[in-house]
C-alpha atoms as a PDB file:
ATOM      1  CA  MET A   1     188.804 204.784  51.673  1.00  0.00           C
ATOM      2  CA  LYS A   2     188.496 208.396  52.802  1.00  0.00           C
ATOM      3  CA  LYS A   3     185.121 210.116  52.723  1.00  0.00           C
ATOM      4  CA  ARG A   4     184.177 213.703  52.024  1.00  0.00           C
ATOM      5  CA  LYS A   5     181.036 215.667  52.854  1.00  0.00           C
ATOM      6  CA  PHE A   6     178.815 216.262  49.843  1.00  0.00           C
ATOM      7  CA  GLY A   7     178.020 219.962  49.866  1.00  0.00           C
ATOM      8  CA  ASN A   8     175.300 221.032  52.292  1.00  0.00           C
ATOM      9  CA  THR A   9     173.826 217.518  52.548  1.00  0.00           C
ATOM     10  CA  ASP A  10     174.304 214.854  55.208  1.00  0.00           C
ATOM     11  CA  LEU A  11     175.893 212.534  52.632  1.00  0.00           C
ATOM     12  CA  LEU A  12     179.450 211.352  53.276  1.00  0.00           C
ATOM     13  CA  VAL A  13     180.735 210.012  49.973  1.00  0.00           C
ATOM     14  CA  SER A  14     183.818 207.948  49.251  1.00  0.00           C
ATOM     15  CA  GLU A  15     186.547 209.977  47.547  1.00  0.00           C
ATOM     16  CA  VAL A  16     186.464 207.475  44.708  1.00  0.00           C
ATOM     17  CA  GLY A  17     183.019 206.507  43.474  1.00  0.00           C
ATOM     18  CA  PHE A  18     181.781 203.996  40.927  1.00  0.00           C
ATOM     19  CA  GLY A  19     181.004 205.362  37.469  1.00  0.00           C
ATOM     20  CA  ALA A  20     178.370 202.978  36.100  1.00  0.00           C
ATOM     21  CA  TRP A  21     178.006 204.147  32.499  1.00  0.00           C
ATOM     22  CA  GLY A  22     180.168 201.309  31.201  1.00  0.00           C
ATOM     23  CA  ILE A  23     178.295 198.448  32.861  1.00  0.00           C
ATOM     24  CA  GLY A  24     175.171 199.492  30.966  1.00  0.00           C
ATOM     25  CA  GLY A  25     176.672 197.694  27.989  1.00  0.00           C
ATOM     26  CA  PRO A  26     176.388 198.482  24.286  1.00  0.00           C
ATOM     27  CA  ALA A  27     173.546 200.792  23.290  1.00  0.00           C
ATOM     28  CA  MET A  28     172.761 202.638  20.092  1.00  0.00           C
ATOM     29  CA  ALA A  29     170.804 205.802  19.399  1.00  0.00           C
ATOM     30  CA  GLY A  30     170.056 205.096  15.772  1.00  0.00           C
ATOM     31  CA  ALA A  31     173.502 204.636  14.234  1.00  0.00           C
ATOM     32  CA  ILE A  32     175.298 206.429  17.083  1.00  0.00           C
ATOM     33  CA  PRO A  33     176.973 204.350  19.818  1.00  0.00           C
ATOM     34  CA  ILE A  34     176.183 205.671  23.303  1.00  0.00           C
ATOM     35  CA  GLY A  35     177.792 202.906  25.347  1.00  0.00           C
ATOM     36  CA  TRP A  36     181.244 201.422  25.855  1.00  0.00           C
ATOM     37  CA  GLY A  37     180.859 198.303  23.774  1.00  0.00           C
ATOM     38  CA  LYS A  38     180.476 194.721  24.889  1.00  0.00           C
ATOM     39  CA  VAL A  39     180.418 194.051  28.626  1.00  0.00           C
ATOM     40  CA  ASP A  40     180.166 190.936  30.773  1.00  0.00           C
ATOM     41  CA  ASP A  41     177.352 191.224  33.337  1.00  0.00           C
ATOM     42  CA  ALA A  42     178.983 188.651  35.603  1.00  0.00           C
ATOM     43  CA  ALA A  43     182.179 190.723  35.616  1.00  0.00           C
ATOM     44  CA  SER A  44     180.159 193.878  36.294  1.00  0.00           C
ATOM     45  CA  ILE A  45     178.485 192.247  39.284  1.00  0.00           C
ATOM     46  CA  ARG A  46     181.838 191.163  40.689  1.00  0.00           C
ATOM     47  CA  ALA A  47     183.138 194.705  40.133  1.00  0.00           C
ATOM     48  CA  LEU A  48     180.217 196.172  42.087  1.00  0.00           C
ATOM     49  CA  GLU A  49     180.753 193.738  44.948  1.00  0.00           C
ATOM     50  CA  LYS A  50     184.512 194.330  45.017  1.00  0.00           C
ATOM     51  CA  SER A  51     184.017 198.080  45.011  1.00  0.00           C
ATOM     52  CA  VAL A  52     181.935 197.863  48.177  1.00  0.00           C
ATOM     53  CA  ASP A  53     184.655 195.715  49.754  1.00  0.00           C
ATOM     54  CA  LEU A  54     187.211 198.396  48.854  1.00  0.00           C
ATOM     55  CA  GLY A  55     185.200 201.104  50.620  1.00  0.00           C
ATOM     56  CA  ILE A  56     183.403 202.694  47.677  1.00  0.00           C
ATOM     57  CA  ASN A  57     179.982 203.845  48.849  1.00  0.00           C
ATOM     58  CA  PHE A  58     178.969 206.202  46.013  1.00  0.00           C
ATOM     59  CA  PHE A  59     177.514 204.712  42.820  1.00  0.00           C
ATOM     60  CA  ASP A  60     176.592 206.964  39.911  1.00  0.00           C
ATOM     61  CA  THR A  61     174.378 205.781  37.080  1.00  0.00           C
ATOM     62  CA  ALA A  62     171.589 207.055  34.778  1.00  0.00           C
ATOM     63  CA  ASP A  63     168.368 205.674  33.386  1.00  0.00           C
ATOM     64  CA  PHE A  64     169.881 206.119  29.903  1.00  0.00           C
ATOM     65  CA  TYR A  65     172.952 203.929  30.503  1.00  0.00           C
ATOM     66  CA  GLY A  66     172.157 200.774  28.579  1.00  0.00           C
ATOM     67  CA  PHE A  67     168.555 202.038  28.606  1.00  0.00           C
ATOM     68  CA  GLY A  68     168.203 201.002  32.250  1.00  0.00           C
ATOM     69  CA  HIS A  69     170.547 198.009  32.316  1.00  0.00           C
ATOM     70  CA  SER A  70     173.095 199.805  34.508  1.00  0.00           C
ATOM     71  CA  GLU A  71     170.390 200.648  37.056  1.00  0.00           C
ATOM     72  CA  GLU A  72     169.151 197.064  36.998  1.00  0.00           C
ATOM     73  CA  LEU A  73     172.591 195.654  37.790  1.00  0.00           C
ATOM     74  CA  ILE A  74     173.070 198.094  40.654  1.00  0.00           C
ATOM     75  CA  GLY A  75     169.637 197.203  41.981  1.00  0.00           C
ATOM     76  CA  LYS A  76     170.419 193.498  41.762  1.00  0.00           C
ATOM     77  CA  VAL A  77     173.685 193.813  43.683  1.00  0.00           C
ATOM     78  CA  LEU A  78     173.022 196.687  46.086  1.00  0.00           C
ATOM     79  CA  GLY A  79     169.246 197.014  46.296  1.00  0.00           C
ATOM     80  CA  ASN A  80     168.003 198.930  49.313  1.00  0.00           C
ATOM     81  CA  ARG A  81     171.258 198.826  51.296  1.00  0.00           C
ATOM     82  CA  ARG A  82     171.658 201.820  53.586  1.00  0.00           C
ATOM     83  CA  ASP A  83     175.473 201.779  53.612  1.00  0.00           C
ATOM     84  CA  VAL A  84     175.684 202.888  49.969  1.00  0.00           C
ATOM     85  CA  ILE A  85     174.680 206.103  48.230  1.00  0.00           C
ATOM     86  CA  ILE A  86     172.989 205.775  44.862  1.00  0.00           C
ATOM     87  CA  ALA A  87     172.894 208.603  42.348  1.00  0.00           C
ATOM     88  CA  THR A  88     171.082 208.406  39.040  1.00  0.00           C
ATOM     89  CA  LYS A  89     169.982 210.789  36.304  1.00  0.00           C
ATOM     90  CA  VAL A  90     166.914 211.690  34.264  1.00  0.00           C
ATOM     91  CA  GLY A  91     166.149 213.622  31.104  1.00  0.00           C
ATOM     92  CA  HIS A  92     167.306 211.523  28.164  1.00  0.00           C
ATOM     93  CA  ARG A  93     165.069 209.202  26.174  1.00  0.00           C
ATOM     94  CA  LEU A  94     164.899 207.785  22.676  1.00  0.00           C
ATOM     95  CA  ALA A  95     162.390 208.961  20.089  1.00  0.00           C
ATOM     96  CA  ASN A  96     160.669 206.379  17.903  1.00  0.00           C
ATOM     97  CA  GLY A  97     163.255 206.925  15.177  1.00  0.00           C
ATOM     98  CA  GLY A  98     166.144 206.267  17.540  1.00  0.00           C
ATOM     99  CA  SER A  99     167.259 209.873  18.026  1.00  0.00           C
ATOM    100  CA  ILE A 100     168.040 211.192  21.508  1.00  0.00           C
ATOM    101  CA  VAL A 101     165.398 213.452  23.035  1.00  0.00           C
ATOM    102  CA  LEU A 102     166.029 215.717  26.007  1.00  0.00           C
ATOM    103  CA  ASP A 103     162.867 215.595  28.082  1.00  0.00           C
ATOM    104  CA  TYR A 104     162.711 217.608  31.301  1.00  0.00           C
ATOM    105  CA  SER A 105     158.948 217.822  31.491  1.00  0.00           C
ATOM    106  CA  LYS A 106     157.396 217.298  34.889  1.00  0.00           C
ATOM    107  CA  ALA A 107     155.411 214.304  33.635  1.00  0.00           C
ATOM    108  CA  HIS A 108     158.475 212.554  32.248  1.00  0.00           C
ATOM    109  CA  ILE A 109     160.596 213.125  35.347  1.00  0.00           C
ATOM    110  CA  LEU A 110     157.920 211.820  37.705  1.00  0.00           C
ATOM    111  CA  LYS A 111     157.371 208.737  35.550  1.00  0.00           C
ATOM    112  CA  ALA A 112     161.093 208.123  35.053  1.00  0.00           C
ATOM    113  CA  CYS A 113     161.775 208.381  38.770  1.00  0.00           C
ATOM    114  CA  GLU A 114     159.280 205.601  39.486  1.00  0.00           C
ATOM    115  CA  ALA A 115     160.955 203.435  36.848  1.00  0.00           C
ATOM    116  CA  SER A 116     164.419 204.102  38.297  1.00  0.00           C
ATOM    117  CA  LEU A 117     163.268 203.289  41.821  1.00  0.00           C
ATOM    118  CA  LYS A 118     161.945 199.965  40.566  1.00  0.00           C
ATOM    119  CA  LYS A 119     165.131 199.089  38.659  1.00  0.00           C
ATOM    120  CA  LEU A 120     167.357 200.160  41.541  1.00  0.00           C
ATOM    121  CA  GLN A 121     165.143 198.289  44.026  1.00  0.00           C
ATOM    122  CA  ARG A 122     165.235 201.252  46.402  1.00  0.00           C
ATOM    123  CA  ASP A 123     162.711 203.142  48.476  1.00  0.00           C
ATOM    124  CA  ALA A 124     164.429 206.433  47.654  1.00  0.00           C
ATOM    125  CA  ILE A 125     167.159 207.740  45.360  1.00  0.00           C
ATOM    126  CA  ASP A 126     169.870 209.403  47.411  1.00  0.00           C
ATOM    127  CA  TYR A 127     170.880 211.915  44.755  1.00  0.00           C
ATOM    128  CA  TYR A 128     168.820 212.552  41.592  1.00  0.00           C
ATOM    129  CA  GLN A 129     170.346 214.536  38.729  1.00  0.00           C
ATOM    130  CA  LEU A 130     169.016 216.355  35.707  1.00  0.00           C
ATOM    131  CA  HIS A 131     171.022 214.754  32.901  1.00  0.00           C
ATOM    132  CA  SER A 132     172.655 217.626  30.993  1.00  0.00           C
ATOM    133  CA  ALA A 133     169.633 219.926  31.210  1.00  0.00           C
ATOM    134  CA  LYS A 134     170.033 223.309  29.526  1.00  0.00           C
ATOM    135  CA  ARG A 135     169.448 226.684  31.133  1.00  0.00           C
ATOM    136  CA  GLU A 136     166.230 227.063  29.129  1.00  0.00           C
ATOM    137  CA  HIS A 137     164.859 223.914  30.794  1.00  0.00           C
ATOM    138  CA  LEU A 138     165.755 225.223  34.236  1.00  0.00           C
ATOM    139  CA  GLU A 139     164.182 228.601  33.499  1.00  0.00           C
ATOM    140  CA  LYS A 140     160.991 226.957  32.260  1.00  0.00           C
ATOM    141  CA  GLY A 141     160.737 225.456  35.724  1.00  0.00           C
ATOM    142  CA  GLU A 142     158.961 222.140  35.183  1.00  0.00           C
ATOM    143  CA  CYS A 143     162.052 220.104  36.012  1.00  0.00           C
ATOM    144  CA  VAL A 144     162.678 222.108  39.173  1.00  0.00           C
ATOM    145  CA  GLU A 145     159.065 221.667  40.241  1.00  0.00           C
ATOM    146  CA  ALA A 146     159.307 217.917  39.617  1.00  0.00           C
ATOM    147  CA  MET A 147     162.490 217.596  41.678  1.00  0.00           C
ATOM    148  CA  ARG A 148     160.991 219.523  44.570  1.00  0.00           C
ATOM    149  CA  MET A 149     157.853 217.385  44.436  1.00  0.00           C
ATOM    150  CA  LEU A 150     159.853 214.140  44.459  1.00  0.00           C
ATOM    151  CA  GLN A 151     161.924 215.405  47.361  1.00  0.00           C
ATOM    152  CA  ALA A 152     158.815 216.366  49.331  1.00  0.00           C
ATOM    153  CA  GLN A 153     157.381 212.908  48.666  1.00  0.00           C
ATOM    154  CA  GLY A 154     160.540 211.249  49.977  1.00  0.00           C
ATOM    155  CA  LYS A 155     161.290 209.543  46.671  1.00  0.00           C
ATOM    156  CA  ILE A 156     164.591 211.399  46.346  1.00  0.00           C
ATOM    157  CA  ARG A 157     166.753 212.752  49.159  1.00  0.00           C
ATOM    158  CA  TYR A 158     168.715 215.401  47.279  1.00  0.00           C
ATOM    159  CA  TRP A 159     168.981 216.597  43.704  1.00  0.00           C
ATOM    160  CA  GLY A 160     171.276 218.450  41.379  1.00  0.00           C
ATOM    161  CA  ILE A 161     172.429 218.584  37.778  1.00  0.00           C
ATOM    162  CA  SER A 162     174.965 216.826  35.585  1.00  0.00           C
ATOM    163  CA  LEU A 163     176.498 219.693  33.627  1.00  0.00           C
ATOM    164  CA  ASN A 164     177.545 220.053  30.012  1.00  0.00           C
ATOM    165  CA  THR A 165     180.988 218.646  29.183  1.00  0.00           C
ATOM    166  CA  PHE A 166     182.411 221.706  27.473  1.00  0.00           C
ATOM    167  CA  ASN A 167     180.386 224.661  28.772  1.00  0.00           C
ATOM    168  CA  PRO A 168     179.007 223.961  32.240  1.00  0.00           C
ATOM    169  CA  HIS A 169     178.709 227.583  33.268  1.00  0.00           C
ATOM    170  CA  PRO A 170     175.227 228.793  32.171  1.00  0.00           C
ATOM    171  CA  GLU A 171     173.321 226.083  34.038  1.00  0.00           C
ATOM    172  CA  ALA A 172     175.586 226.152  37.090  1.00  0.00           C
ATOM    173  CA  GLU A 173     175.274 229.920  37.353  1.00  0.00           C
ATOM    174  CA  PHE A 174     171.477 229.735  37.174  1.00  0.00           C
ATOM    175  CA  MET A 175     171.359 227.011  39.836  1.00  0.00           C
ATOM    176  CA  MET A 176     173.588 229.017  42.147  1.00  0.00           C
ATOM    177  CA  GLN A 177     171.717 232.281  41.545  1.00  0.00           C
ATOM    178  CA  GLN A 178     168.414 230.601  42.392  1.00  0.00           C
ATOM    179  CA  GLN A 179     169.949 228.486  45.181  1.00  0.00           C
ATOM    180  CA  LEU A 180     168.653 225.298  43.591  1.00  0.00           C
ATOM    181  CA  GLY A 181     169.805 221.749  44.251  1.00  0.00           C
ATOM    182  CA  SER A 182     172.709 220.410  46.248  1.00  0.00           C
ATOM    183  CA  GLY A 183     175.402 219.494  43.764  1.00  0.00           C
ATOM    184  CA  PHE A 184     176.970 219.501  40.327  1.00  0.00           C
ATOM    185  CA  GLN A 185     178.407 216.672  38.287  1.00  0.00           C
ATOM    186  CA  ILE A 186     181.124 218.140  36.135  1.00  0.00           C
ATOM    187  CA  VAL A 187     183.952 217.081  33.833  1.00  0.00           C
ATOM    188  CA  LEU A 188     187.352 217.583  35.417  1.00  0.00           C
ATOM    189  CA  ASN A 189     190.615 215.870  34.567  1.00  0.00           C
ATOM    190  CA  ILE A 190     194.201 216.629  33.578  1.00  0.00           C
ATOM    191  CA  ILE A 191     193.163 217.204  29.946  1.00  0.00           C
ATOM    192  CA  ASN A 192     189.913 219.130  30.530  1.00  0.00           C
ATOM    193  CA  GLN A 193     190.331 221.735  33.256  1.00  0.00           C
ATOM    194  CA  ARG A 194     187.713 224.192  31.993  1.00  0.00           C
ATOM    195  CA  ALA A 195     185.638 223.839  35.165  1.00  0.00           C
ATOM    196  CA  LEU A 196     188.324 224.530  37.781  1.00  0.00           C
ATOM    197  CA  GLU A 197     187.182 228.048  38.632  1.00  0.00           C
ATOM    198  CA  LEU A 198     183.554 226.925  38.617  1.00  0.00           C
ATOM    199  CA  ILE A 199     184.103 224.186  41.189  1.00  0.00           C
ATOM    200  CA  ARG A 200     185.744 226.705  43.500  1.00  0.00           C
ATOM    201  CA  THR A 201     182.791 229.062  43.207  1.00  0.00           C
ATOM    202  CA  ALA A 202     180.293 226.238  43.679  1.00  0.00           C
ATOM    203  CA  HIS A 203     182.143 224.911  46.706  1.00  0.00           C
ATOM    204  CA  MET A 204     181.975 228.324  48.357  1.00  0.00           C
ATOM    205  CA  GLN A 205     178.187 228.143  47.926  1.00  0.00           C
ATOM    206  CA  ASN A 206     178.123 224.687  49.548  1.00  0.00           C
ATOM    207  CA  TYR A 207     177.472 222.594  46.455  1.00  0.00           C
ATOM    208  CA  GLY A 208     178.817 219.063  46.307  1.00  0.00           C
ATOM    209  CA  ILE A 209     181.055 218.295  43.319  1.00  0.00           C
ATOM    210  CA  ILE A 210     181.149 215.000  41.423  1.00  0.00           C
ATOM    211  CA  ALA A 211     184.096 214.883  39.010  1.00  0.00           C
ATOM    212  CA  ARG A 212     183.274 212.722  36.010  1.00  0.00           C
ATOM    213  CA  MET A 213     185.423 211.514  33.093  1.00  0.00           C
ATOM    214  CA  PRO A 214     188.539 211.574  35.288  1.00  0.00           C
ATOM    215  CA  LEU A 215     190.442 209.381  32.833  1.00  0.00           C
ATOM    216  CA  GLN A 216     189.099 211.110  29.694  1.00  0.00           C
ATOM    217  CA  PHE A 217     187.826 207.976  27.923  1.00  0.00           C
ATOM    218  CA  GLY A 218     190.962 206.079  28.955  1.00  0.00           C
ATOM    219  CA  LEU A 219     193.505 208.540  27.544  1.00  0.00           C
ATOM    220  CA  LEU A 220     194.792 209.170  31.065  1.00  0.00           C
ATOM    221  CA  THR A 221     195.397 205.516  31.933  1.00  0.00           C
ATOM    222  CA  GLY A 222     198.599 205.391  29.910  1.00  0.00           C
ATOM    223  CA  LYS A 223     197.332 202.228  28.213  1.00  0.00           C
ATOM    224  CA  PHE A 224     196.623 203.544  24.716  1.00  0.00           C
ATOM    225  CA  ALA A 225     198.969 203.481  21.730  1.00  0.00           C
ATOM    226  CA  PRO A 226     198.710 205.437  18.464  1.00  0.00           C
ATOM    227  CA  THR A 227     197.380 202.252  16.886  1.00  0.00           C
ATOM    228  CA  THR A 228     194.562 201.779  19.417  1.00  0.00           C
ATOM    229  CA  ARG A 229     191.149 201.484  17.777  1.00  0.00           C
ATOM    230  CA  PHE A 230     187.630 201.069  19.171  1.00  0.00           C
ATOM    231  CA  ASP A 231     184.707 198.896  18.111  1.00  0.00           C
ATOM    232  CA  LYS A 232     181.838 200.561  16.288  1.00  0.00           C
ATOM    233  CA  ASN A 233     179.510 199.978  19.267  1.00  0.00           C
ATOM    234  CA  ASP A 234     181.889 201.939  21.529  1.00  0.00           C
ATOM    235  CA  HIS A 235     181.290 205.724  21.609  1.00  0.00           C
ATOM    236  CA  ARG A 236     185.054 206.249  21.552  1.00  0.00           C
ATOM    237  CA  HIS A 237     184.975 205.012  17.947  1.00  0.00           C
ATOM    238  CA  PHE A 238     183.971 208.520  16.873  1.00  0.00           C
ATOM    239  CA  ARG A 239     185.104 210.525  19.894  1.00  0.00           C
ATOM    240  CA  LEU A 240     188.736 209.393  19.751  1.00  0.00           C
ATOM    241  CA  PRO A 241     189.635 209.286  16.041  1.00  0.00           C
ATOM    242  CA  PRO A 242     193.262 208.439  15.163  1.00  0.00           C
ATOM    243  CA  ALA A 243     194.404 212.048  14.704  1.00  0.00           C
ATOM    244  CA  LEU A 244     193.059 213.120  18.092  1.00  0.00           C
ATOM    245  CA  LEU A 245     194.444 210.022  19.771  1.00  0.00           C
ATOM    246  CA  GLU A 246     197.919 210.633  18.388  1.00  0.00           C
ATOM    247  CA  ALA A 247     197.873 214.312  19.355  1.00  0.00           C
ATOM    248  CA  ALA A 248     196.733 213.493  22.887  1.00  0.00           C
ATOM    249  CA  LEU A 249     199.386 210.840  23.426  1.00  0.00           C
ATOM    250  CA  HIS A 250     202.048 213.240  22.186  1.00  0.00           C
ATOM    251  CA  ASP A 251     201.022 216.042  24.558  1.00  0.00           C
ATOM    252  CA  LEU A 252     200.495 213.733  27.535  1.00  0.00           C
ATOM    253  CA  ALA A 253     204.091 212.526  27.345  1.00  0.00           C
ATOM    254  CA  GLU A 254     204.942 215.560  29.478  1.00  0.00           C
ATOM    255  CA  VAL A 255     202.639 214.326  32.269  1.00  0.00           C
ATOM    256  CA  TRP A 256     203.965 210.838  32.903  1.00  0.00           C
ATOM    257  CA  PRO A 257     207.359 211.712  34.485  1.00  0.00           C
ATOM    258  CA  LEU A 258     205.310 212.610  37.578  1.00  0.00           C
ATOM    259  CA  CYS A 259     204.415 208.914  37.871  1.00  0.00           C
ATOM    260  CA  LYS A 260     208.060 208.158  38.580  1.00  0.00           C
ATOM    261  CA  LYS A 261     208.258 210.932  41.142  1.00  0.00           C
ATOM    262  CA  TYR A 262     205.292 209.625  43.127  1.00  0.00           C
ATOM    263  CA  LYS A 263     205.875 205.964  42.192  1.00  0.00           C
ATOM    264  CA  ILE A 264     202.290 205.543  41.025  1.00  0.00           C
ATOM    265  CA  SER A 265     200.523 204.560  37.814  1.00  0.00           C
ATOM    266  CA  PRO A 266     199.106 207.027  35.253  1.00  0.00           C
ATOM    267  CA  THR A 267     195.615 206.133  36.485  1.00  0.00           C
ATOM    268  CA  SER A 268     196.522 206.876  40.102  1.00  0.00           C
ATOM    269  CA  LEU A 269     198.216 210.133  39.093  1.00  0.00           C
ATOM    270  CA  SER A 270     195.151 211.220  37.113  1.00  0.00           C
ATOM    271  CA  LEU A 271     192.764 210.515  39.991  1.00  0.00           C
ATOM    272  CA  SER A 272     195.161 212.082  42.499  1.00  0.00           C
ATOM    273  CA  PHE A 273     195.275 215.310  40.489  1.00  0.00           C
ATOM    274  CA  ILE A 274     191.513 215.698  40.782  1.00  0.00           C
ATOM    275  CA  LEU A 275     191.309 214.719  44.441  1.00  0.00           C
ATOM    276  CA  SER A 276     194.113 217.148  45.276  1.00  0.00           C
ATOM    277  CA  PHE A 277     191.449 219.850  44.944  1.00  0.00           C
ATOM    278  CA  PRO A 278     189.520 219.915  48.259  1.00  0.00           C
ATOM    279  CA  GLU A 279     186.451 221.295  46.484  1.00  0.00           C
ATOM    280  CA  VAL A 280     185.866 217.913  44.832  1.00  0.00           C
ATOM    281  CA  SER A 281     183.561 215.628  46.823  1.00  0.00           C
ATOM    282  CA  THR A 282     184.084 212.447  44.795  1.00  0.00           C
ATOM    283  CA  VAL A 283     185.575 211.313  41.518  1.00  0.00           C
ATOM    284  CA  ILE A 284     183.795 208.623  39.490  1.00  0.00           C
ATOM    285  CA  PRO A 285     186.025 206.612  37.164  1.00  0.00           C
ATOM    286  CA  GLY A 286     184.240 204.034  35.066  1.00  0.00           C
ATOM    287  CA  ILE A 287     184.517 200.558  36.564  1.00  0.00           C
ATOM    288  CA  LYS A 288     183.604 197.372  34.695  1.00  0.00           C
ATOM    289  CA  THR A 289     185.905 194.784  36.269  1.00  0.00           C
ATOM    290  CA  VAL A 290     187.407 193.823  39.615  1.00  0.00           C
ATOM    291  CA  GLU A 291     190.813 194.826  38.268  1.00  0.00           C
ATOM    292  CA  GLN A 292     189.573 198.324  37.453  1.00  0.00           C
ATOM    293  CA  ALA A 293     187.985 198.641  40.894  1.00  0.00           C
ATOM    294  CA  VAL A 294     191.336 197.860  42.506  1.00  0.00           C
ATOM    295  CA  GLU A 295     193.340 200.052  40.149  1.00  0.00           C
ATOM    296  CA  ASN A 296     191.033 203.030  40.621  1.00  0.00           C
ATOM    297  CA  THR A 297     191.318 202.927  44.413  1.00  0.00           C
ATOM    298  CA  THR A 298     195.076 202.362  44.697  1.00  0.00           C
ATOM    299  CA  ASP A 299     197.809 204.898  45.470  1.00  0.00           C
ATOM    300  CA  ILE A 300     195.697 208.040  45.709  1.00  0.00           C
ATOM    301  CA  VAL A 301     198.076 210.756  46.905  1.00  0.00           C
ATOM    302  CA  GLN A 302     198.019 214.505  47.510  1.00  0.00           C
ATOM    303  CA  LEU A 303     200.087 216.100  44.764  1.00  0.00           C
ATOM    304  CA  GLN A 304     202.509 218.825  45.721  1.00  0.00           C
ATOM    305  CA  ASP A 305     201.479 222.367  44.841  1.00  0.00           C
ATOM    306  CA  GLU A 306     204.302 222.729  42.331  1.00  0.00           C
ATOM    307  CA  ASP A 307     203.098 219.669  40.417  1.00  0.00           C
ATOM    308  CA  ILE A 308     199.477 220.788  40.434  1.00  0.00           C
ATOM    309  CA  LYS A 309     200.591 224.132  39.040  1.00  0.00           C
ATOM    310  CA  SER A 310     202.708 222.470  36.355  1.00  0.00           C
ATOM    311  CA  LEU A 311     199.746 220.357  35.208  1.00  0.00           C
ATOM    312  CA  MET A 312     197.543 223.448  35.167  1.00  0.00           C
ATOM    313  CA  GLN A 313     200.159 225.270  33.094  1.00  0.00           C
ATOM    314  CA  LEU A 314     200.371 222.347  30.670  1.00  0.00           C
ATOM    315  CA  TYR A 315     196.621 222.638  30.212  1.00  0.00           C
ATOM    316  CA  HIS A 316     196.848 226.331  29.372  1.00  0.00           C
ATOM    317  CA  ASP A 317     199.826 225.815  27.050  1.00  0.00           C
ATOM    318  CA  LYS A 318     198.750 222.675  25.165  1.00  0.00           C
ATOM    319  CA  LEU A 319     195.967 220.492  26.509  1.00  0.00           C
ATOM    320  CA  CYS A 320     193.261 223.130  26.149  1.00  0.00           C
ATOM    321  CA  LYS A 321     193.692 222.807  22.385  1.00  0.00           C
ATOM    322  CA  LEU A 322     192.852 219.107  22.674  1.00  0.00           C
ATOM    323  CA  VAL A 323     189.669 220.028  24.505  1.00  0.00           C
ATOM    324  CA  ASP A 324     188.766 222.451  21.724  1.00  0.00           C
ATOM    325  CA  LEU A 325     189.230 219.638  19.205  1.00  0.00           C
ATOM    326  CA  MET A 326     187.124 217.251  21.306  1.00  0.00           C
ATOM    327  CA  GLU A 327     184.348 219.833  21.433  1.00  0.00           C
ATOM    328  CA  ARG A 328     184.345 220.136  17.650  1.00  0.00           C
ATOM    329  CA  ILE A 329     184.143 216.346  17.266  1.00  0.00           C
ATOM    330  CA  GLY A 330     181.256 216.104  19.771  1.00  0.00           C
END
């Protein structure tokens, strides 16, 4: 497993990291599913252990994934090990009625950090992220003050922000203008390439880049059919309705001939596309099983420039319309 330097930090992160949203298990915000459906904790533990064996050293979670269950599993398996890098997030909580509240107050962040440290069984969080904070929260300043305080106290080593899926620019621009934090977590994949110019700008300012949703909810694994459906406790139940699924599979048919050229799977091609950009520090596919850990670390190749350009052109010609539709669905 190759490693890349994470921005201006001393962190060397594996090119492929472990996205730990899925292992949090099913979770509901009122009637809205915010997890990936049923999960087997024993399988998740084996997946974490196998990932370390495969050379993955970067594990990304959040205190909202399974309402802490993802952090607890990581803490149980990895604890205070120094050969792994643990990233988690703060800023989401449930109101009494079950609705999602964005809370970037200083008091909440300080309290949440203590809770995450306990669940993760660590002395310090390597990389702490504001979970989809808005520019107004950054401008207010409480969250920035809290992050700086936690860093000064040694409870976090570095911090940054996990940016909005569809419009990451306002918050990233503010962070860069104010020279805040060390990195950005951002959506980047074959379907959603909105952030390509942003990652280049951020890289030039020495920010680390975590590419999330590299397989776009599984659409880029090549494993879905037009008849694929998702359980009601899986967030894809509303995010990938039949019409969107069919449209995506139709447009992606133009991508898969590249698998034959490189003799790799759709998953490997999708991850290779992202890692072909040197600005990306690590890509974090969701991993819930040993099989996924192996699949997500196999046959990562550098795509030829002509193929990168063709995939970028396909985005501008067709796939960007899918992203527009996804944004409208939410």
